[in-house]
PDB file of N, CA and C in Angstrom:
ATOM      1  N   MET A   1      19.132 -14.748   3.540  1.00  0.00           N
ATOM      2  CA  MET A   1      18.506 -13.681   4.273  1.00  0.00           C
ATOM      3  C   MET A   1      17.247 -13.233   3.526  1.00  0.00           C
ATOM      4  N   ALA A   2      16.127 -13.183   4.222  1.00  0.00           N
ATOM      5  CA  ALA A   2      14.877 -12.744   3.618  1.00  0.00           C
ATOM      6  C   ALA A   2      14.907 -11.236   3.408  1.00  0.00           C
ATOM      7  N   LEU A   3      14.306 -10.802   2.315  1.00  0.00           N
ATOM      8  CA  LEU A   3      14.259  -9.374   2.026  1.00  0.00           C
ATOM      9  C   LEU A   3      13.137  -8.719   2.807  1.00  0.00           C
ATOM     10  N   LYS A   4      13.354  -7.498   3.221  1.00  0.00           N
ATOM     11  CA  LYS A   4      12.357  -6.710   3.925  1.00  0.00           C
ATOM     12  C   LYS A   4      11.376  -6.142   2.898  1.00  0.00           C
ATOM     13  N   HIS A   5      10.093  -6.277   3.180  1.00  0.00           N
ATOM     14  CA  HIS A   5       9.080  -5.663   2.328  1.00  0.00           C
ATOM     15  C   HIS A   5       8.852  -4.231   2.797  1.00  0.00           C
ATOM     16  N   ALA A   6       8.352  -3.404   1.903  1.00  0.00           N
ATOM     17  CA  ALA A   6       8.042  -2.022   2.266  1.00  0.00           C
ATOM     18  C   ALA A   6       6.963  -2.011   3.342  1.00  0.00           C
ATOM     19  N   GLU A   7       7.065  -1.047   4.225  1.00  0.00           N
ATOM     20  CA  GLU A   7       6.081  -0.888   5.292  1.00  0.00           C
ATOM     21  C   GLU A   7       5.112   0.223   4.936  1.00  0.00           C
ATOM     22  N   SER A   8       3.978   0.256   5.616  1.00  0.00           N
ATOM     23  CA  SER A   8       2.983   1.292   5.393  1.00  0.00           C
ATOM     24  C   SER A   8       3.617   2.672   5.540  1.00  0.00           C
ATOM     25  N   GLY A   9       3.398   3.532   4.559  1.00  0.00           N
ATOM     26  CA  GLY A   9       3.928   4.884   4.584  1.00  0.00           C
ATOM     27  C   GLY A   9       5.339   5.031   4.053  1.00  0.00           C
ATOM     28  N   GLU A  10       5.991   3.930   3.722  1.00  0.00           N
ATOM     29  CA  GLU A  10       7.368   3.976   3.219  1.00  0.00           C
ATOM     30  C   GLU A  10       7.372   4.237   1.714  1.00  0.00           C
ATOM     31  N   VAL A  11       8.196   5.170   1.268  1.00  0.00           N
ATOM     32  CA  VAL A  11       8.351   5.463  -0.157  1.00  0.00           C
ATOM     33  C   VAL A  11       9.422   4.537  -0.721  1.00  0.00           C
ATOM     34  N   VAL A  12       9.110   3.895  -1.850  1.00  0.00           N
ATOM     35  CA  VAL A  12      10.040   2.955  -2.478  1.00  0.00           C
ATOM     36  C   VAL A  12      10.188   3.315  -3.950  1.00  0.00           C
ATOM     37  N   ASN A  13      11.413   3.400  -4.434  1.00  0.00           N
ATOM     38  CA  ASN A  13      11.664   3.603  -5.856  1.00  0.00           C
ATOM     39  C   ASN A  13      11.680   2.231  -6.522  1.00  0.00           C
ATOM     40  N   ILE A  14      10.804   2.018  -7.475  1.00  0.00           N
ATOM     41  CA  ILE A  14      10.654   0.716  -8.122  1.00  0.00           C
ATOM     42  C   ILE A  14      11.950   0.245  -8.772  1.00  0.00           C
ATOM     43  N   TYR A  15      12.691   1.160  -9.367  1.00  0.00           N
ATOM     44  CA  TYR A  15      13.903   0.779 -10.087  1.00  0.00           C
ATOM     45  C   TYR A  15      15.068   0.488  -9.164  1.00  0.00           C
ATOM     46  N   SER A  16      15.188   1.236  -8.078  1.00  0.00           N
ATOM     47  CA  SER A  16      16.338   1.031  -7.195  1.00  0.00           C
ATOM     48  C   SER A  16      15.944   0.385  -5.875  1.00  0.00           C
ATOM     49  N   ALA A  17      14.737  -0.151  -5.804  1.00  0.00           N
ATOM     50  CA  ALA A  17      14.289  -0.779  -4.563  1.00  0.00           C
ATOM     51  C   ALA A  17      15.292  -1.834  -4.126  1.00  0.00           C
ATOM     52  N   TYR A  18      15.664  -1.730  -2.884  1.00  0.00           N
ATOM     53  CA  TYR A  18      16.588  -2.695  -2.302  1.00  0.00           C
ATOM     54  C   TYR A  18      17.880  -2.728  -3.114  1.00  0.00           C
ATOM     55  N   SER A  19      18.623  -1.666  -3.010  1.00  0.00           N
ATOM     56  CA  SER A  19      19.795  -1.423  -3.849  1.00  0.00           C
ATOM     57  C   SER A  19      20.833  -2.528  -3.815  1.00  0.00           C
ATOM     58  N   GLN A  20      20.758  -3.436  -2.844  1.00  0.00           N
ATOM     59  CA  GLN A  20      21.718  -4.539  -2.831  1.00  0.00           C
ATOM     60  C   GLN A  20      21.407  -5.565  -3.920  1.00  0.00           C
ATOM     61  N   LEU A  21      20.251  -5.426  -4.562  1.00  0.00           N
ATOM     62  CA  LEU A  21      19.861  -6.357  -5.623  1.00  0.00           C
ATOM     63  C   LEU A  21      20.081  -5.721  -6.986  1.00  0.00           C
ATOM     64  N   PRO A  22      20.450  -6.521  -7.975  1.00  0.00           N
ATOM     65  CA  PRO A  22      20.539  -5.973  -9.329  1.00  0.00           C
ATOM     66  C   PRO A  22      19.143  -5.662  -9.864  1.00  0.00           C
ATOM     67  N   GLU A  23      19.060  -4.707 -10.777  1.00  0.00           N
ATOM     68  CA  GLU A  23      17.774  -4.377 -11.389  1.00  0.00           C
ATOM     69  C   GLU A  23      17.211  -5.587 -12.126  1.00  0.00           C
ATOM     70  N   SER A  24      18.056  -6.573 -12.406  1.00  0.00           N
ATOM     71  CA  SER A  24      17.647  -7.731 -13.190  1.00  0.00           C
ATOM     72  C   SER A  24      16.949  -8.805 -12.364  1.00  0.00           C
ATOM     73  N   ARG A  25      16.566  -8.507 -11.139  1.00  0.00           N
ATOM     74  CA  ARG A  25      15.936  -9.523 -10.294  1.00  0.00           C
ATOM     75  C   ARG A  25      14.507  -9.120  -9.945  1.00  0.00           C
ATOM     76  N   SER A  26      13.591 -10.090 -10.062  1.00  0.00           N
ATOM     77  CA  SER A  26      12.216  -9.856  -9.641  1.00  0.00           C
ATOM     78  C   SER A  26      12.189  -9.749  -8.123  1.00  0.00           C
ATOM     79  N   LEU A  27      11.198  -9.005  -7.616  1.00  0.00           N
ATOM     80  CA  LEU A  27      11.200  -8.697  -6.199  1.00  0.00           C
ATOM     81  C   LEU A  27       9.792  -8.384  -5.715  1.00  0.00           C
ATOM     82  N   ALA A  28       9.363  -9.029  -4.626  1.00  0.00           N
ATOM     83  CA  ALA A  28       8.107  -8.665  -3.971  1.00  0.00           C
ATOM     84  C   ALA A  28       8.383  -7.435  -3.117  1.00  0.00           C
ATOM     85  N   ILE A  29       7.802  -6.319  -3.483  1.00  0.00           N
ATOM     86  CA  ILE A  29       8.056  -5.059  -2.787  1.00  0.00           C
ATOM     87  C   ILE A  29       7.123  -4.899  -1.594  1.00  0.00           C
ATOM     88  N   ILE A  30       5.855  -5.230  -1.791  1.00  0.00           N
ATOM     89  CA  ILE A  30       4.862  -5.165  -0.716  1.00  0.00           C
ATOM     90  C   ILE A  30       4.192  -6.523  -0.625  1.00  0.00           C
ATOM     91  N   SER A  31       4.061  -7.016   0.587  1.00  0.00           N
ATOM     92  CA  SER A  31       3.341  -8.265   0.813  1.00  0.00           C
ATOM     93  C   SER A  31       2.524  -8.098   2.084  1.00  0.00           C
ATOM     94  N   ALA A  32       1.222  -7.945   1.893  1.00  0.00           N
ATOM     95  CA  ALA A  32       0.296  -7.756   3.006  1.00  0.00           C
ATOM     96  C   ALA A  32      -0.885  -8.697   2.789  1.00  0.00           C
ATOM     97  N   PRO A  33      -1.698  -8.919   3.811  1.00  0.00           N
ATOM     98  CA  PRO A  33      -2.810  -9.869   3.653  1.00  0.00           C
ATOM     99  C   PRO A  33      -3.739  -9.554   2.486  1.00  0.00           C
ATOM    100  N   GLU A  34      -3.945  -8.273   2.161  1.00  0.00           N
ATOM    101  CA  GLU A  34      -4.905  -7.923   1.117  1.00  0.00           C
ATOM    102  C   GLU A  34      -4.299  -7.516  -0.218  1.00  0.00           C
ATOM    103  N   ILE A  35      -2.971  -7.344  -0.276  1.00  0.00           N
ATOM    104  CA  ILE A  35      -2.336  -6.883  -1.515  1.00  0.00           C
ATOM    105  C   ILE A  35      -0.890  -7.360  -1.585  1.00  0.00           C
ATOM    106  N   GLU A  36      -0.447  -7.627  -2.811  1.00  0.00           N
ATOM    107  CA  GLU A  36       0.967  -7.913  -3.049  1.00  0.00           C
ATOM    108  C   GLU A  36       1.397  -7.123  -4.279  1.00  0.00           C
ATOM    109  N   VAL A  37       2.553  -6.469  -4.187  1.00  0.00           N
ATOM    110  CA  VAL A  37       3.106  -5.703  -5.299  1.00  0.00           C
ATOM    111  C   VAL A  37       4.474  -6.294  -5.615  1.00  0.00           C
ATOM    112  N   VAL A  38       4.640  -6.715  -6.871  1.00  0.00           N
ATOM    113  CA  VAL A  38       5.854  -7.417  -7.283  1.00  0.00           C
ATOM    114  C   VAL A  38       6.448  -6.735  -8.507  1.00  0.00           C
ATOM    115  N   ARG A  39       7.745  -6.473  -8.452  1.00  0.00           N
ATOM    116  CA  ARG A  39       8.479  -6.005  -9.636  1.00  0.00           C
ATOM    117  C   ARG A  39       8.944  -7.258 -10.368  1.00  0.00           C
ATOM    118  N   LEU A  40       8.375  -7.501 -11.555  1.00  0.00           N
ATOM    119  CA  LEU A  40       8.751  -8.654 -12.369  1.00  0.00           C
ATOM    120  C   LEU A  40       9.761  -8.216 -13.416  1.00  0.00           C
ATOM    121  N   VAL A  41      10.879  -8.893 -13.459  1.00  0.00           N
ATOM    122  CA  VAL A  41      11.893  -8.629 -14.471  1.00  0.00           C
ATOM    123  C   VAL A  41      11.860  -9.799 -15.442  1.00  0.00           C
ATOM    124  N   LEU A  42      11.577  -9.504 -16.704  1.00  0.00           N
ATOM    125  CA  LEU A  42      11.423 -10.539 -17.723  1.00  0.00           C
ATOM    126  C   LEU A  42      12.393 -10.284 -18.867  1.00  0.00           C
ATOM    127  N   ASN A  43      13.232 -11.249 -19.146  1.00  0.00           N
ATOM    128  CA  ASN A  43      14.108 -11.154 -20.314  1.00  0.00           C
ATOM    129  C   ASN A  43      13.286 -11.393 -21.570  1.00  0.00           C
ATOM    130  N   ALA A  44      13.723 -10.838 -22.692  1.00  0.00           N
ATOM    131  CA  ALA A  44      13.022 -11.022 -23.962  1.00  0.00           C
ATOM    132  C   ALA A  44      12.759 -12.503 -24.192  1.00  0.00           C
ATOM    133  N   ALA A  45      11.556 -12.819 -24.641  1.00  0.00           N
ATOM    134  CA  ALA A  45      11.089 -14.174 -24.947  1.00  0.00           C
ATOM    135  C   ALA A  45      10.716 -14.977 -23.706  1.00  0.00           C
ATOM    136  N   LYS A  46      10.890 -14.433 -22.516  1.00  0.00           N
ATOM    137  CA  LYS A  46      10.460 -15.122 -21.294  1.00  0.00           C
ATOM    138  C   LYS A  46       8.940 -15.120 -21.268  1.00  0.00           C
ATOM    139  N   ALA A  47       8.360 -16.239 -20.846  1.00  0.00           N
ATOM    140  CA  ALA A  47       6.906 -16.351 -20.804  1.00  0.00           C
ATOM    141  C   ALA A  47       6.449 -16.865 -19.445  1.00  0.00           C
ATOM    142  N   VAL A  48       5.293 -16.398 -19.044  1.00  0.00           N
ATOM    143  CA  VAL A  48       4.609 -16.916 -17.862  1.00  0.00           C
ATOM    144  C   VAL A  48       3.412 -17.677 -18.413  1.00  0.00           C
ATOM    145  N   PRO A  49       3.368 -19.016 -18.218  1.00  0.00           N
ATOM    146  CA  PRO A  49       2.315 -19.822 -18.835  1.00  0.00           C
ATOM    147  C   PRO A  49       0.912 -19.468 -18.333  1.00  0.00           C
ATOM    148  N   GLN A  50      -0.080 -19.934 -19.086  1.00  0.00           N
ATOM    149  CA  GLN A  50      -1.484 -19.691 -18.743  1.00  0.00           C
ATOM    150  C   GLN A  50      -1.779 -20.121 -17.318  1.00  0.00           C
ATOM    151  N   HIS A  51      -2.528 -19.278 -16.619  1.00  0.00           N
ATOM    152  CA  HIS A  51      -2.967 -19.593 -15.266  1.00  0.00           C
ATOM    153  C   HIS A  51      -4.078 -18.617 -14.887  1.00  0.00           C
ATOM    154  N   THR A  52      -4.681 -18.851 -13.741  1.00  0.00           N
ATOM    155  CA  THR A  52      -5.662 -17.924 -13.185  1.00  0.00           C
ATOM    156  C   THR A  52      -5.193 -17.516 -11.793  1.00  0.00           C
ATOM    157  N   LEU A  53      -5.736 -16.423 -11.309  1.00  0.00           N
ATOM    158  CA  LEU A  53      -5.447 -15.962  -9.953  1.00  0.00           C
ATOM    159  C   LEU A  53      -6.760 -15.814  -9.193  1.00  0.00           C
ATOM    160  N   ASP A  54      -6.701 -15.978  -7.887  1.00  0.00           N
ATOM    161  CA  ASP A  54      -7.904 -15.900  -7.056  1.00  0.00           C
ATOM    162  C   ASP A  54      -8.419 -14.479  -6.866  1.00  0.00           C
ATOM    163  N   GLY A  55      -7.560 -13.505  -7.106  1.00  0.00           N
ATOM    164  CA  GLY A  55      -7.964 -12.111  -6.955  1.00  0.00           C
ATOM    165  C   GLY A  55      -7.692 -11.326  -8.219  1.00  0.00           C
ATOM    166  N   PRO A  56      -8.308 -10.150  -8.356  1.00  0.00           N
ATOM    167  CA  PRO A  56      -8.016  -9.303  -9.508  1.00  0.00           C
ATOM    168  C   PRO A  56      -6.599  -8.759  -9.407  1.00  0.00           C
ATOM    169  N   PHE A  57      -6.064  -8.309 -10.545  1.00  0.00           N
ATOM    170  CA  PHE A  57      -4.707  -7.776 -10.541  1.00  0.00           C
ATOM    171  C   PHE A  57      -4.531  -6.767 -11.663  1.00  0.00           C
ATOM    172  N   THR A  58      -3.468  -5.979 -11.545  1.00  0.00           N
ATOM    173  CA  THR A  58      -3.051  -5.099 -12.628  1.00  0.00           C
ATOM    174  C   THR A  58      -1.622  -5.438 -13.000  1.00  0.00           C
ATOM    175  N   LEU A  59      -1.292  -5.233 -14.261  1.00  0.00           N
ATOM    176  CA  LEU A  59       0.077  -5.296 -14.759  1.00  0.00           C
ATOM    177  C   LEU A  59       0.375  -3.930 -15.354  1.00  0.00           C
ATOM    178  N   HIS A  60       1.456  -3.318 -14.905  1.00  0.00           N
ATOM    179  CA  HIS A  60       1.869  -1.999 -15.380  1.00  0.00           C
ATOM    180  C   HIS A  60       3.258  -2.156 -15.967  1.00  0.00           C
ATOM    181  N   CYS A  61       3.385  -1.979 -17.266  1.00  0.00           N
ATOM    182  CA  CYS A  61       4.687  -2.091 -17.924  1.00  0.00           C
ATOM    183  C   CYS A  61       5.481  -0.820 -17.642  1.00  0.00           C
ATOM    184  N   LEU A  62       6.600  -0.981 -16.958  1.00  0.00           N
ATOM    185  CA  LEU A  62       7.449   0.156 -16.620  1.00  0.00           C
ATOM    186  C   LEU A  62       8.534   0.383 -17.660  1.00  0.00           C
ATOM    187  N   LYS A  63       9.023  -0.714 -18.233  1.00  0.00           N
ATOM    188  CA  LYS A  63      10.165  -0.645 -19.147  1.00  0.00           C
ATOM    189  C   LYS A  63      10.077  -1.827 -20.102  1.00  0.00           C
ATOM    190  N   GLY A  64      10.404  -1.625 -21.366  1.00  0.00           N
ATOM    191  CA  GLY A  64      10.395  -2.718 -22.332  1.00  0.00           C
ATOM    192  C   GLY A  64       9.046  -2.884 -22.999  1.00  0.00           C
ATOM    193  N   ALA A  65       8.718  -4.136 -23.345  1.00  0.00           N
ATOM    194  CA  ALA A  65       7.457  -4.441 -24.021  1.00  0.00           C
ATOM    195  C   ALA A  65       7.059  -5.875 -23.710  1.00  0.00           C
ATOM    196  N   VAL A  66       5.787  -6.052 -23.350  1.00  0.00           N
ATOM    197  CA  VAL A  66       5.246  -7.380 -23.074  1.00  0.00           C
ATOM    198  C   VAL A  66       3.922  -7.528 -23.807  1.00  0.00           C
ATOM    199  N   GLU A  67       3.443  -8.754 -23.863  1.00  0.00           N
ATOM    200  CA  GLU A  67       2.113  -9.037 -24.389  1.00  0.00           C
ATOM    201  C   GLU A  67       1.372  -9.858 -23.351  1.00  0.00           C
ATOM    202  N   VAL A  68       0.095  -9.539 -23.177  1.00  0.00           N
ATOM    203  CA  VAL A  68      -0.756 -10.227 -22.218  1.00  0.00           C
ATOM    204  C   VAL A  68      -1.907 -10.857 -22.989  1.00  0.00           C
ATOM    205  N   LYS A  69      -2.142 -12.141 -22.728  1.00  0.00           N
ATOM    206  CA  LYS A  69      -3.253 -12.833 -23.382  1.00  0.00           C
ATOM    207  C   LYS A  69      -4.385 -13.000 -22.380  1.00  0.00           C
ATOM    208  N   THR A  70      -5.535 -12.415 -22.711  1.00  0.00           N
ATOM    209  CA  THR A  70      -6.759 -12.589 -21.935  1.00  0.00           C
ATOM    210  C   THR A  70      -7.892 -12.805 -22.920  1.00  0.00           C
ATOM    211  N   ASP A  71      -8.870 -13.569 -22.517  1.00  0.00           N
ATOM    212  CA  ASP A  71     -10.029 -13.824 -23.378  1.00  0.00           C
ATOM    213  C   ASP A  71      -9.629 -14.271 -24.778  1.00  0.00           C
ATOM    214  N   GLY A  72      -8.524 -15.017 -24.876  1.00  0.00           N
ATOM    215  CA  GLY A  72      -8.114 -15.613 -26.135  1.00  0.00           C
ATOM    216  C   GLY A  72      -7.351 -14.723 -27.095  1.00  0.00           C
ATOM    217  N   HIS A  73      -7.086 -13.469 -26.723  1.00  0.00           N
ATOM    218  CA  HIS A  73      -6.315 -12.633 -27.652  1.00  0.00           C
ATOM    219  C   HIS A  73      -5.209 -11.875 -26.911  1.00  0.00           C
ATOM    220  N   TRP A  74      -4.137 -11.612 -27.669  1.00  0.00           N
ATOM    221  CA  TRP A  74      -2.953 -10.944 -27.126  1.00  0.00           C
ATOM    222  C   TRP A  74      -3.117  -9.433 -27.223  1.00  0.00           C
ATOM    223  N   GLN A  75      -2.652  -8.747 -26.176  1.00  0.00           N
ATOM    224  CA  GLN A  75      -2.650  -7.289 -26.159  1.00  0.00           C
ATOM    225  C   GLN A  75      -1.249  -6.801 -25.799  1.00  0.00           C
ATOM    226  N   PRO A  76      -0.717  -5.840 -26.554  1.00  0.00           N
ATOM    227  CA  PRO A  76       0.624  -5.330 -26.245  1.00  0.00           C
ATOM    228  C   PRO A  76       0.577  -4.319 -25.098  1.00  0.00           C
ATOM    229  N   LEU A  77       1.613  -4.341 -24.285  1.00  0.00           N
ATOM    230  CA  LEU A  77       1.816  -3.328 -23.246  1.00  0.00           C
ATOM    231  C   LEU A  77       3.220  -2.775 -23.413  1.00  0.00           C
ATOM    232  N   GLY A  78       3.317  -1.473 -23.514  1.00  0.00           N
ATOM    233  CA  GLY A  78       4.613  -0.812 -23.564  1.00  0.00           C
ATOM    234  C   GLY A  78       4.779   0.046 -22.324  1.00  0.00           C
ATOM    235  N   PRO A  79       5.862   0.793 -22.240  1.00  0.00           N
ATOM    236  CA  PRO A  79       6.087   1.634 -21.070  1.00  0.00           C
ATOM    237  C   PRO A  79       4.878   2.530 -20.771  1.00  0.00           C
ATOM    238  N   ASP A  80       4.476   2.527 -19.523  1.00  0.00           N
ATOM    239  CA  ASP A  80       3.362   3.316 -18.994  1.00  0.00           C
ATOM    240  C   ASP A  80       1.988   2.741 -19.314  1.00  0.00           C
ATOM    241  N   ASP A  81       1.913   1.593 -19.997  1.00  0.00           N
ATOM    242  CA  ASP A  81       0.623   0.942 -20.233  1.00  0.00           C
ATOM    243  C   ASP A  81       0.274   0.065 -19.037  1.00  0.00           C
ATOM    244  N   LEU A  82      -1.035  -0.031 -18.768  1.00  0.00           N
ATOM    245  CA  LEU A  82      -1.538  -0.791 -17.629  1.00  0.00           C
ATOM    246  C   LEU A  82      -2.746  -1.596 -18.072  1.00  0.00           C
ATOM    247  N   ILE A  83      -2.877  -2.806 -17.551  1.00  0.00           N
ATOM    248  CA  ILE A  83      -4.057  -3.625 -17.815  1.00  0.00           C
ATOM    249  C   ILE A  83      -4.600  -4.138 -16.487  1.00  0.00           C
ATOM    250  N   TYR A  84      -5.929  -4.184 -16.382  1.00  0.00           N
ATOM    251  CA  TYR A  84      -6.624  -4.732 -15.214  1.00  0.00           C
ATOM    252  C   TYR A  84      -7.265  -6.044 -15.631  1.00  0.00           C
ATOM    253  N   VAL A  85      -7.120  -7.077 -14.806  1.00  0.00           N
ATOM    254  CA  VAL A  85      -7.695  -8.387 -15.111  1.00  0.00           C
ATOM    255  C   VAL A  85      -8.472  -8.867 -13.886  1.00  0.00           C
ATOM    256  N   GLU A  86      -9.711  -9.274 -14.104  1.00  0.00           N
ATOM    257  CA  GLU A  86     -10.572  -9.772 -13.025  1.00  0.00           C
ATOM    258  C   GLU A  86     -10.072 -11.105 -12.478  1.00  0.00           C
ATOM    259  N   ALA A  87     -10.470 -11.423 -11.276  1.00  0.00           N
ATOM    260  CA  ALA A  87     -10.155 -12.710 -10.657  1.00  0.00           C
ATOM    261  C   ALA A  87     -10.694 -13.847 -11.525  1.00  0.00           C
ATOM    262  N   GLY A  88      -9.945 -14.936 -11.608  1.00  0.00           N
ATOM    263  CA  GLY A  88     -10.394 -16.132 -12.297  1.00  0.00           C
ATOM    264  C   GLY A  88     -10.237 -16.127 -13.806  1.00  0.00           C
ATOM    265  N   VAL A  89      -9.773 -15.034 -14.398  1.00  0.00           N
ATOM    266  CA  VAL A  89      -9.603 -14.960 -15.853  1.00  0.00           C
ATOM    267  C   VAL A  89      -8.307 -15.674 -16.247  1.00  0.00           C
ATOM    268  N   LEU A  90      -8.422 -16.604 -17.190  1.00  0.00           N
ATOM    269  CA  LEU A  90      -7.248 -17.301 -17.713  1.00  0.00           C
ATOM    270  C   LEU A  90      -6.395 -16.297 -18.485  1.00  0.00           C
ATOM    271  N   HIS A  91      -5.114 -16.243 -18.159  1.00  0.00           N
ATOM    272  CA  HIS A  91      -4.227 -15.264 -18.798  1.00  0.00           C
ATOM    273  C   HIS A  91      -2.810 -15.807 -18.875  1.00  0.00           C
ATOM    274  N   GLU A  92      -2.019 -15.193 -19.734  1.00  0.00           N
ATOM    275  CA  GLU A  92      -0.586 -15.496 -19.804  1.00  0.00           C
ATOM    276  C   GLU A  92       0.151 -14.237 -20.222  1.00  0.00           C
ATOM    277  N   LEU A  93       1.461 -14.272 -20.045  1.00  0.00           N
ATOM    278  CA  LEU A  93       2.294 -13.096 -20.266  1.00  0.00           C
ATOM    279  C   LEU A  93       3.558 -13.524 -20.985  1.00  0.00           C
ATOM    280  N   ARG A  94       4.005 -12.701 -21.937  1.00  0.00           N
ATOM    281  CA  ARG A  94       5.298 -12.961 -22.573  1.00  0.00           C
ATOM    282  C   ARG A  94       6.002 -11.632 -22.836  1.00  0.00           C
ATOM    283  N   ALA A  95       7.313 -11.662 -22.675  1.00  0.00           N
ATOM    284  CA  ALA A  95       8.125 -10.466 -22.893  1.00  0.00           C
ATOM    285  C   ALA A  95       8.571 -10.410 -24.345  1.00  0.00           C
ATOM    286  N   VAL A  96       8.322  -9.288 -24.988  1.00  0.00           N
ATOM    287  CA  VAL A  96       8.754  -9.054 -26.362  1.00  0.00           C
ATOM    288  C   VAL A  96      10.185  -8.515 -26.353  1.00  0.00           C
ATOM    289  N   ALA A  97      10.517  -7.783 -25.298  1.00  0.00           N
ATOM    290  CA  ALA A  97      11.854  -7.217 -25.092  1.00  0.00           C
ATOM    291  C   ALA A  97      12.183  -7.360 -23.608  1.00  0.00           C
ATOM    292  N   ASP A  98      13.424  -7.122 -23.233  1.00  0.00           N
ATOM    293  CA  ASP A  98      13.757  -7.101 -21.812  1.00  0.00           C
ATOM    294  C   ASP A  98      12.838  -6.084 -21.143  1.00  0.00           C
ATOM    295  N   SER A  99      12.158  -6.510 -20.071  1.00  0.00           N
ATOM    296  CA  SER A  99      11.084  -5.685 -19.513  1.00  0.00           C
ATOM    297  C   SER A  99      11.064  -5.710 -17.992  1.00  0.00           C
ATOM    298  N   ILE A 100      10.499  -4.646 -17.443  1.00  0.00           N
ATOM    299  CA  ILE A 100      10.167  -4.591 -16.021  1.00  0.00           C
ATOM    300  C   ILE A 100       8.681  -4.277 -15.944  1.00  0.00           C
ATOM    301  N   VAL A 101       7.951  -5.118 -15.213  1.00  0.00           N
ATOM    302  CA  VAL A 101       6.505  -4.995 -15.085  1.00  0.00           C
ATOM    303  C   VAL A 101       6.162  -4.968 -13.600  1.00  0.00           C
ATOM    304  N   LEU A 102       5.229  -4.114 -13.235  1.00  0.00           N
ATOM    305  CA  LEU A 102       4.768  -4.053 -11.857  1.00  0.00           C
ATOM    306  C   LEU A 102       3.442  -4.797 -11.765  1.00  0.00           C
ATOM    307  N   LEU A 103       3.422  -5.875 -10.996  1.00  0.00           N
ATOM    308  CA  LEU A 103       2.215  -6.667 -10.757  1.00  0.00           C
ATOM    309  C   LEU A 103       1.628  -6.247  -9.420  1.00  0.00           C
ATOM    310  N   THR A 104       0.355  -5.860  -9.424  1.00  0.00           N
ATOM    311  CA  THR A 104      -0.359  -5.565  -8.184  1.00  0.00           C
ATOM    312  C   THR A 104      -1.494  -6.563  -8.076  1.00  0.00           C
ATOM    313  N   LEU A 105      -1.409  -7.424  -7.091  1.00  0.00           N
ATOM    314  CA  LEU A 105      -2.377  -8.503  -6.896  1.00  0.00           C
ATOM    315  C   LEU A 105      -3.215  -8.204  -5.662  1.00  0.00           C
ATOM    316  N   PHE A 106      -4.523  -8.187  -5.853  1.00  0.00           N
ATOM    317  CA  PHE A 106      -5.450  -7.964  -4.745  1.00  0.00           C
ATOM    318  C   PHE A 106      -5.942  -9.324  -4.274  1.00  0.00           C
ATOM    319  N   ARG A 107      -5.725  -9.614  -3.011  1.00  0.00           N
ATOM    320  CA  ARG A 107      -6.070 -10.931  -2.468  1.00  0.00           C
ATOM    321  C   ARG A 107      -7.482 -10.918  -1.897  1.00  0.00           C
ATOM    322  N   PRO A 108      -8.276 -11.942  -2.240  1.00  0.00           N
ATOM    323  CA  PRO A 108      -9.634 -12.006  -1.687  1.00  0.00           C
ATOM    324  C   PRO A 108      -9.584 -12.288  -0.187  1.00  0.00           C
ATOM    325  N   ARG A 109     -10.562 -11.800   0.510  1.00  0.00           N
ATOM    326  CA  ARG A 109     -10.632 -12.030   1.969  1.00  0.00           C
ATOM    327  C   ARG A 109     -11.355 -13.304   2.273  1.00  0.00           C
TER     328      ARG A 109
END
């Protein structure tokens, strides 16, 4: 069964979104032509390999600790830290601790 994405004007709690799912599962909360918002759940030492995206994005660390590599150097993100990355920038992500990160991806038209 496909999960329902949030609709315009709907309030969603990031931690308890779609209560039938465990907090330990990544989840696309919003998926629209111009934006996607994803709750990423990363276990400690989990890594997302180097890649680029066609649109700019933000990563907001909600819980735990991650490191983001952009422009050849690593930057730590802890709870409430946010980073903005332009489209086409080579980047990677790794979890230092069990973490929840909110990815907001802006899709080019």
